[in-house]
Amino acid sequence: MSNTFTLTDSLSLDDLHLYLSRAGRIENGSVRLIAGSGVLAVYTGVIFPIGLLDESPTVLGLRTFALVDGAEFDVVVPVRSLVERLVRLQGEERDREAPVTVGVPMQVNTATWAAISPPRGGWRAVTEADAELFDRTAREGIAEVAEAIPTGTGEQLVHRVRSEVWGRGIPGLEYVPAGAAFGALSLGFLGDPAVGTVGVFETGPWTRITSPRGHVLVRRRGWTLQR
């Protein structure tokens, strides 16, 4: 297994750092890195069930980056450790167009969502939707969660409220949970302001929301599989 990966240039390094910084505000535990065939896929957890009785959907963020080496690995590493390595590299003087080699931090095995592997192929296009719809859904949900959870609320109640809000369908796209909109907004995939459209794709129990800035992957609950 490779213990490093090489990005094409410093712009890719900055993009990866920005993506992970946003992801760390949502879930600051771990990130899954899958390298192969000249591509680094970076998965982050947005919303995921805690325990067998939790009906929350699984919502993951995904950004891909071109590699200039033959790195091959599938690891889960601490977000903070990887971000610290990126920051150190950003502080070094170098040709901005030269490739940048990043060391892979020590693996961890604490992210339950990382054991779920979204499919890489077989996606079919379902529809396109306005990015503004996702932006509005996410912002309304964030406001609702903030209003429903007073300061000092216990973790179990907090999770229950978030699960309820982000498990609801997006108006007009009821089979897509609002958590997908939350992920797309929080990870910067919609733009600021949100413009254009996002594509909606499906395969099996999975839905993928795709914009030019990244992807949100949703593993839907059983009762939402039939529309």
C-alpha atoms as a PDB file:
ATOM      1  CA  MET A   1       0.000   0.000   0.000  1.00  0.00           C
ATOM      2  CA  SER A   2       1.237   3.482  -0.826  1.00  0.00           C
ATOM      3  CA  ASN A   3       1.902   5.810   2.096  1.00  0.00           C
ATOM      4  CA  THR A   4       1.847   8.966  -0.028  1.00  0.00           C
ATOM      5  CA  PHE A   5      -0.120  10.457  -2.918  1.00  0.00           C
ATOM      6  CA  THR A   6       0.923  13.170  -5.359  1.00  0.00           C
ATOM      7  CA  LEU A   7      -1.497  15.898  -6.432  1.00  0.00           C
ATOM      8  CA  THR A   8      -1.018  17.683  -9.750  1.00  0.00           C
ATOM      9  CA  ASP A   9      -0.246  21.147  -8.325  1.00  0.00           C
ATOM     10  CA  SER A  10      -0.678  23.561  -5.415  1.00  0.00           C
ATOM     11  CA  LEU A  11      -4.168  24.539  -6.606  1.00  0.00           C
ATOM     12  CA  SER A  12      -5.317  20.957  -6.025  1.00  0.00           C
ATOM     13  CA  LEU A  13      -3.660  21.054  -2.613  1.00  0.00           C
ATOM     14  CA  ASP A  14      -5.597  24.213  -1.728  1.00  0.00           C
ATOM     15  CA  ASP A  15      -8.865  22.691  -3.021  1.00  0.00           C
ATOM     16  CA  LEU A  16      -8.366  19.574  -0.907  1.00  0.00           C
ATOM     17  CA  HIS A  17      -7.611  21.689   2.162  1.00  0.00           C
ATOM     18  CA  LEU A  18     -10.743  23.804   1.656  1.00  0.00           C
ATOM     19  CA  TYR A  19     -12.933  20.735   1.171  1.00  0.00           C
ATOM     20  CA  LEU A  20     -11.609  19.039   4.304  1.00  0.00           C
ATOM     21  CA  SER A  21     -11.932  22.239   6.327  1.00  0.00           C
ATOM     22  CA  ARG A  22     -15.615  22.426   5.416  1.00  0.00           C
ATOM     23  CA  ALA A  23     -16.094  18.728   6.099  1.00  0.00           C
ATOM     24  CA  GLY A  24     -14.448  19.106   9.502  1.00  0.00           C
ATOM     25  CA  ARG A  25     -17.113  21.588  10.582  1.00  0.00           C
ATOM     26  CA  ILE A  26     -19.745  18.886  10.002  1.00  0.00           C
ATOM     27  CA  GLU A  27     -17.984  15.780  11.282  1.00  0.00           C
ATOM     28  CA  ASN A  28     -14.461  16.306  12.528  1.00  0.00           C
ATOM     29  CA  GLY A  29     -13.571  12.655  13.028  1.00  0.00           C
ATOM     30  CA  SER A  30     -12.374  10.802   9.954  1.00  0.00           C
ATOM     31  CA  VAL A  31     -12.096  10.928   6.177  1.00  0.00           C
ATOM     32  CA  ARG A  32     -11.911   8.019   3.748  1.00  0.00           C
ATOM     33  CA  LEU A  33      -9.277   8.159   1.000  1.00  0.00           C
ATOM     34  CA  ILE A  34      -9.406   5.790  -1.973  1.00  0.00           C
ATOM     35  CA  ALA A  35      -6.614   6.081  -4.534  1.00  0.00           C
ATOM     36  CA  GLY A  36      -6.327   4.189  -7.799  1.00  0.00           C
ATOM     37  CA  SER A  37      -6.144   4.631 -11.571  1.00  0.00           C
ATOM     38  CA  GLY A  38      -4.745   8.137 -11.183  1.00  0.00           C
ATOM     39  CA  VAL A  39      -7.623   9.434  -9.045  1.00  0.00           C
ATOM     40  CA  LEU A  40      -7.980  10.206  -5.337  1.00  0.00           C
ATOM     41  CA  ALA A  41     -11.575   9.911  -4.066  1.00  0.00           C
ATOM     42  CA  VAL A  42     -12.123  11.711  -0.767  1.00  0.00           C
ATOM     43  CA  TYR A  43     -15.277  10.685   1.132  1.00  0.00           C
ATOM     44  CA  THR A  44     -16.538  12.553   4.179  1.00  0.00           C
ATOM     45  CA  GLY A  45     -19.408  11.746   6.527  1.00  0.00           C
ATOM     46  CA  VAL A  46     -22.279  14.250   6.665  1.00  0.00           C
ATOM     47  CA  ILE A  47     -25.179  12.329   8.265  1.00  0.00           C
ATOM     48  CA  PHE A  48     -25.219   8.676   9.265  1.00  0.00           C
ATOM     49  CA  PRO A  49     -27.144   6.344  11.596  1.00  0.00           C
ATOM     50  CA  ILE A  50     -25.955   5.753  15.146  1.00  0.00           C
ATOM     51  CA  GLY A  51     -27.134   2.327  16.264  1.00  0.00           C
ATOM     52  CA  LEU A  52     -29.425  -0.269  14.703  1.00  0.00           C
ATOM     53  CA  LEU A  53     -32.685   1.557  15.481  1.00  0.00           C
ATOM     54  CA  ASP A  54     -31.555   4.890  14.023  1.00  0.00           C
ATOM     55  CA  GLU A  55     -33.442   5.577  10.771  1.00  0.00           C
ATOM     56  CA  SER A  56     -31.244   8.474   9.641  1.00  0.00           C
ATOM     57  CA  PRO A  57     -30.135   8.250   6.017  1.00  0.00           C
ATOM     58  CA  THR A  58     -26.449   7.894   5.244  1.00  0.00           C
ATOM     59  CA  VAL A  59     -25.209  11.062   3.519  1.00  0.00           C
ATOM     60  CA  LEU A  60     -21.624  11.294   2.279  1.00  0.00           C
ATOM     61  CA  GLY A  61     -19.648  14.013   0.540  1.00  0.00           C
ATOM     62  CA  LEU A  62     -17.257  13.169  -2.295  1.00  0.00           C
ATOM     63  CA  ARG A  63     -14.567  15.137  -4.085  1.00  0.00           C
ATOM     64  CA  THR A  64     -12.111  13.623  -6.542  1.00  0.00           C
ATOM     65  CA  PHE A  65      -8.611  14.814  -7.356  1.00  0.00           C
ATOM     66  CA  ALA A  66      -6.241  13.855 -10.165  1.00  0.00           C
ATOM     67  CA  LEU A  67      -3.011  12.130  -9.131  1.00  0.00           C
ATOM     68  CA  VAL A  68       0.281  12.041 -11.014  1.00  0.00           C
ATOM     69  CA  ASP A  69       1.557   8.858  -9.368  1.00  0.00           C
ATOM     70  CA  GLY A  70       0.403   5.256  -9.159  1.00  0.00           C
ATOM     71  CA  ALA A  71      -0.797   5.412  -5.565  1.00  0.00           C
ATOM     72  CA  GLU A  72      -3.277   2.703  -4.595  1.00  0.00           C
ATOM     73  CA  PHE A  73      -4.932   2.474  -1.177  1.00  0.00           C
ATOM     74  CA  ASP A  74      -8.251   2.561   0.672  1.00  0.00           C
ATOM     75  CA  VAL A  75      -7.799   4.026   4.143  1.00  0.00           C
ATOM     76  CA  VAL A  76      -9.675   5.936   6.828  1.00  0.00           C
ATOM     77  CA  VAL A  77      -7.581   8.637   8.505  1.00  0.00           C
ATOM     78  CA  PRO A  78      -8.201  11.468  10.999  1.00  0.00           C
ATOM     79  CA  VAL A  79      -9.351  14.664   9.282  1.00  0.00           C
ATOM     80  CA  ARG A  80      -7.266  16.811  11.619  1.00  0.00           C
ATOM     81  CA  SER A  81      -4.042  14.906  10.929  1.00  0.00           C
ATOM     82  CA  LEU A  82      -4.473  15.185   7.170  1.00  0.00           C
ATOM     83  CA  VAL A  83      -5.365  18.882   7.346  1.00  0.00           C
ATOM     84  CA  GLU A  84      -2.254  19.568   9.433  1.00  0.00           C
ATOM     85  CA  ARG A  85      -0.091  17.954   6.747  1.00  0.00           C
ATOM     86  CA  LEU A  86      -1.750  20.013   4.039  1.00  0.00           C
ATOM     87  CA  VAL A  87      -1.215  23.243   6.001  1.00  0.00           C
ATOM     88  CA  ARG A  88       2.492  22.466   6.413  1.00  0.00           C
ATOM     89  CA  LEU A  89       2.827  21.868   2.682  1.00  0.00           C
ATOM     90  CA  GLN A  90       0.977  25.114   1.916  1.00  0.00           C
ATOM     91  CA  GLY A  91       3.538  26.976   4.016  1.00  0.00           C
ATOM     92  CA  GLU A  92       6.480  25.711   1.961  1.00  0.00           C
ATOM     93  CA  GLU A  93       7.877  27.694  -0.940  1.00  0.00           C
ATOM     94  CA  ARG A  94       7.434  25.876  -4.229  1.00  0.00           C
ATOM     95  CA  ASP A  95       6.487  26.242  -7.863  1.00  0.00           C
ATOM     96  CA  ARG A  96       2.682  26.555  -7.758  1.00  0.00           C
ATOM     97  CA  GLU A  97       2.390  24.401 -10.888  1.00  0.00           C
ATOM     98  CA  ALA A  98       4.648  21.610  -9.613  1.00  0.00           C
ATOM     99  CA  PRO A  99       3.192  18.339  -8.255  1.00  0.00           C
ATOM    100  CA  VAL A 100       2.800  18.080  -4.467  1.00  0.00           C
ATOM    101  CA  THR A 101       3.354  14.835  -2.545  1.00  0.00           C
ATOM    102  CA  VAL A 102       1.255  14.341   0.600  1.00  0.00           C
ATOM    103  CA  GLY A 103       1.914  11.769   3.303  1.00  0.00           C
ATOM    104  CA  VAL A 104      -0.992   9.557   4.379  1.00  0.00           C
ATOM    105  CA  PRO A 105      -1.654   9.755   8.156  1.00  0.00           C
ATOM    106  CA  MET A 106      -1.972   6.660  10.325  1.00  0.00           C
ATOM    107  CA  GLN A 107      -5.205   4.745   9.742  1.00  0.00           C
ATOM    108  CA  VAL A 108      -8.112   4.629  12.199  1.00  0.00           C
ATOM    109  CA  ASN A 109     -11.131   2.315  12.392  1.00  0.00           C
ATOM    110  CA  THR A 110     -13.694   4.455  14.175  1.00  0.00           C
ATOM    111  CA  ALA A 111     -15.889   5.738  11.321  1.00  0.00           C
ATOM    112  CA  THR A 112     -18.932   3.468  10.937  1.00  0.00           C
ATOM    113  CA  TRP A 113     -20.029   5.242   7.746  1.00  0.00           C
ATOM    114  CA  ALA A 114     -16.703   4.432   6.086  1.00  0.00           C
ATOM    115  CA  ALA A 115     -17.616   0.731   5.995  1.00  0.00           C
ATOM    116  CA  ILE A 116     -20.366   1.542   3.463  1.00  0.00           C
ATOM    117  CA  SER A 117     -19.039   1.708  -0.092  1.00  0.00           C
ATOM    118  CA  PRO A 118     -21.153   3.621  -2.632  1.00  0.00           C
ATOM    119  CA  PRO A 119     -21.188   2.071  -6.109  1.00  0.00           C
ATOM    120  CA  ARG A 120     -18.836   3.546  -8.698  1.00  0.00           C
ATOM    121  CA  GLY A 121     -20.897   2.633 -11.749  1.00  0.00           C
ATOM    122  CA  GLY A 122     -24.414   1.835 -12.896  1.00  0.00           C
ATOM    123  CA  TRP A 123     -25.808   5.312 -12.229  1.00  0.00           C
ATOM    124  CA  ARG A 124     -28.817   6.473 -14.253  1.00  0.00           C
ATOM    125  CA  ALA A 125     -29.899  10.084 -14.599  1.00  0.00           C
ATOM    126  CA  VAL A 126     -33.232  10.844 -12.905  1.00  0.00           C
ATOM    127  CA  THR A 127     -33.655  14.595 -13.200  1.00  0.00           C
ATOM    128  CA  GLU A 128     -32.032  17.986 -12.782  1.00  0.00           C
ATOM    129  CA  ALA A 129     -32.995  20.437 -10.051  1.00  0.00           C
ATOM    130  CA  ASP A 130     -32.226  24.063  -9.319  1.00  0.00           C
ATOM    131  CA  ALA A 131     -29.267  24.502  -7.006  1.00  0.00           C
ATOM    132  CA  GLU A 132     -31.303  27.231  -5.293  1.00  0.00           C
ATOM    133  CA  LEU A 133     -33.857  24.598  -4.167  1.00  0.00           C
ATOM    134  CA  PHE A 134     -31.121  22.696  -2.356  1.00  0.00           C
ATOM    135  CA  ASP A 135     -29.685  25.900  -0.928  1.00  0.00           C
ATOM    136  CA  ARG A 136     -33.079  27.014   0.428  1.00  0.00           C
ATOM    137  CA  THR A 137     -33.887  23.570   1.844  1.00  0.00           C
ATOM    138  CA  ALA A 138     -30.551  23.411   3.649  1.00  0.00           C
ATOM    139  CA  ARG A 139     -30.789  26.906   5.130  1.00  0.00           C
ATOM    140  CA  GLU A 140     -34.367  26.372   6.331  1.00  0.00           C
ATOM    141  CA  GLY A 141     -33.338  23.082   7.913  1.00  0.00           C
ATOM    142  CA  ILE A 142     -30.340  24.660   9.650  1.00  0.00           C
ATOM    143  CA  ALA A 143     -32.607  27.362  11.094  1.00  0.00           C
ATOM    144  CA  GLU A 144     -35.154  24.758  12.237  1.00  0.00           C
ATOM    145  CA  VAL A 145     -32.501  22.651  13.960  1.00  0.00           C
ATOM    146  CA  ALA A 146     -31.046  25.714  15.700  1.00  0.00           C
ATOM    147  CA  GLU A 147     -34.487  26.778  16.945  1.00  0.00           C
ATOM    148  CA  ALA A 148     -35.435  23.299  18.153  1.00  0.00           C
ATOM    149  CA  ILE A 149     -32.228  22.652  20.079  1.00  0.00           C
ATOM    150  CA  PRO A 150     -31.652  24.945  23.079  1.00  0.00           C
ATOM    151  CA  THR A 151     -28.194  25.386  24.553  1.00  0.00           C
ATOM    152  CA  GLY A 152     -27.177  22.496  26.769  1.00  0.00           C
ATOM    153  CA  THR A 153     -29.476  19.949  25.126  1.00  0.00           C
ATOM    154  CA  GLY A 154     -28.355  16.339  25.496  1.00  0.00           C
ATOM    155  CA  GLU A 155     -26.618  14.595  22.605  1.00  0.00           C
ATOM    156  CA  GLN A 156     -29.390  12.026  22.145  1.00  0.00           C
ATOM    157  CA  LEU A 157     -32.060  14.703  21.661  1.00  0.00           C
ATOM    158  CA  VAL A 158     -29.806  16.692  19.353  1.00  0.00           C
ATOM    159  CA  HIS A 159     -29.310  13.667  17.135  1.00  0.00           C
ATOM    160  CA  ARG A 160     -33.045  12.897  17.132  1.00  0.00           C
ATOM    161  CA  VAL A 161     -33.927  16.428  16.006  1.00  0.00           C
ATOM    162  CA  ARG A 162     -31.280  16.427  13.290  1.00  0.00           C
ATOM    163  CA  SER A 163     -32.398  12.992  12.112  1.00  0.00           C
ATOM    164  CA  GLU A 164     -35.987  14.187  11.824  1.00  0.00           C
ATOM    165  CA  VAL A 165     -35.154  17.407   9.974  1.00  0.00           C
ATOM    166  CA  TRP A 166     -32.567  15.997   7.598  1.00  0.00           C
ATOM    167  CA  GLY A 167     -34.503  12.782   6.962  1.00  0.00           C
ATOM    168  CA  ARG A 168     -37.456  14.626   5.391  1.00  0.00           C
ATOM    169  CA  GLY A 169     -37.836  14.732   1.626  1.00  0.00           C
ATOM    170  CA  ILE A 170     -36.910  17.844  -0.346  1.00  0.00           C
ATOM    171  CA  PRO A 171     -40.084  19.532  -1.673  1.00  0.00           C
ATOM    172  CA  GLY A 172     -40.663  18.251  -5.197  1.00  0.00           C
ATOM    173  CA  LEU A 173     -37.954  15.605  -4.715  1.00  0.00           C
ATOM    174  CA  GLU A 174     -39.478  13.752  -1.777  1.00  0.00           C
ATOM    175  CA  TYR A 175     -37.326  10.660  -2.323  1.00  0.00           C
ATOM    176  CA  VAL A 176     -34.179  12.778  -1.708  1.00  0.00           C
ATOM    177  CA  PRO A 177     -33.697  13.568   1.997  1.00  0.00           C
ATOM    178  CA  ALA A 178     -33.035  17.161   3.031  1.00  0.00           C
ATOM    179  CA  GLY A 179     -29.717  15.940   4.417  1.00  0.00           C
ATOM    180  CA  ALA A 180     -28.448  15.827   0.837  1.00  0.00           C
ATOM    181  CA  ALA A 181     -29.125  19.558   0.544  1.00  0.00           C
ATOM    182  CA  PHE A 182     -27.371  20.153   3.875  1.00  0.00           C
ATOM    183  CA  GLY A 183     -24.320  18.263   2.636  1.00  0.00           C
ATOM    184  CA  ALA A 184     -24.227  20.078  -0.696  1.00  0.00           C
ATOM    185  CA  LEU A 185     -24.462  23.505   0.962  1.00  0.00           C
ATOM    186  CA  SER A 186     -22.049  22.793   3.813  1.00  0.00           C
ATOM    187  CA  LEU A 187     -19.376  21.337   1.538  1.00  0.00           C
ATOM    188  CA  GLY A 188     -19.558  24.252  -0.898  1.00  0.00           C
ATOM    189  CA  PHE A 189     -21.000  22.286  -3.816  1.00  0.00           C
ATOM    190  CA  LEU A 190     -23.823  24.740  -4.632  1.00  0.00           C
ATOM    191  CA  GLY A 191     -21.854  27.961  -5.133  1.00  0.00           C
ATOM    192  CA  ASP A 192     -22.394  31.266  -3.351  1.00  0.00           C
ATOM    193  CA  PRO A 193     -24.937  32.360  -4.366  1.00  0.00           C
ATOM    194  CA  ALA A 194     -26.361  29.041  -5.506  1.00  0.00           C
ATOM    195  CA  VAL A 195     -26.732  29.069  -9.282  1.00  0.00           C
ATOM    196  CA  GLY A 196     -27.372  26.579 -12.053  1.00  0.00           C
ATOM    197  CA  THR A 197     -28.627  23.044 -11.649  1.00  0.00           C
ATOM    198  CA  VAL A 198     -27.559  19.852  -9.951  1.00  0.00           C
ATOM    199  CA  GLY A 199     -28.001  16.419 -11.441  1.00  0.00           C
ATOM    200  CA  VAL A 200     -29.855  13.655  -9.606  1.00  0.00           C
ATOM    201  CA  PHE A 201     -28.747  10.090 -10.308  1.00  0.00           C
ATOM    202  CA  GLU A 202     -29.723   6.714  -8.859  1.00  0.00           C
ATOM    203  CA  THR A 203     -28.538   3.141  -8.624  1.00  0.00           C
ATOM    204  CA  GLY A 204     -30.141   0.615  -6.269  1.00  0.00           C
ATOM    205  CA  PRO A 205     -30.700   2.218  -2.854  1.00  0.00           C
ATOM    206  CA  TRP A 206     -28.283   5.060  -3.622  1.00  0.00           C
ATOM    207  CA  THR A 207     -28.955   8.592  -4.880  1.00  0.00           C
ATOM    208  CA  ARG A 208     -26.199  10.900  -6.095  1.00  0.00           C
ATOM    209  CA  ILE A 209     -26.448  14.679  -6.241  1.00  0.00           C
ATOM    210  CA  THR A 210     -23.835  16.058  -8.619  1.00  0.00           C
ATOM    211  CA  SER A 211     -22.682  19.613  -9.263  1.00  0.00           C
ATOM    212  CA  PRO A 212     -19.514  20.859 -10.962  1.00  0.00           C
ATOM    213  CA  ARG A 213     -18.051  21.301  -7.460  1.00  0.00           C
ATOM    214  CA  GLY A 214     -18.599  17.817  -6.046  1.00  0.00           C
ATOM    215  CA  HIS A 215     -20.992  15.006  -5.205  1.00  0.00           C
ATOM    216  CA  VAL A 216     -23.322  14.072  -2.361  1.00  0.00           C
ATOM    217  CA  LEU A 217     -24.174  10.387  -2.025  1.00  0.00           C
ATOM    218  CA  VAL A 218     -27.258   9.212  -0.141  1.00  0.00           C
ATOM    219  CA  ARG A 219     -28.128   5.684   0.892  1.00  0.00           C
ATOM    220  CA  ARG A 220     -31.881   5.862   1.224  1.00  0.00           C
ATOM    221  CA  ARG A 221     -33.894   4.069   3.864  1.00  0.00           C
ATOM    222  CA  GLY A 222     -35.928   1.036   2.796  1.00  0.00           C
ATOM    223  CA  TRP A 223     -39.326   2.748   2.854  1.00  0.00           C
ATOM    224  CA  THR A 224     -38.129   5.412   0.398  1.00  0.00           C
ATOM    225  CA  LEU A 225     -36.983   3.007  -2.295  1.00  0.00           C
ATOM    226  CA  GLN A 226     -40.307   2.910  -4.079  1.00  0.00           C
ATOM    227  CA  ARG A 227     -41.601   6.184  -5.548  1.00  0.00           C
END
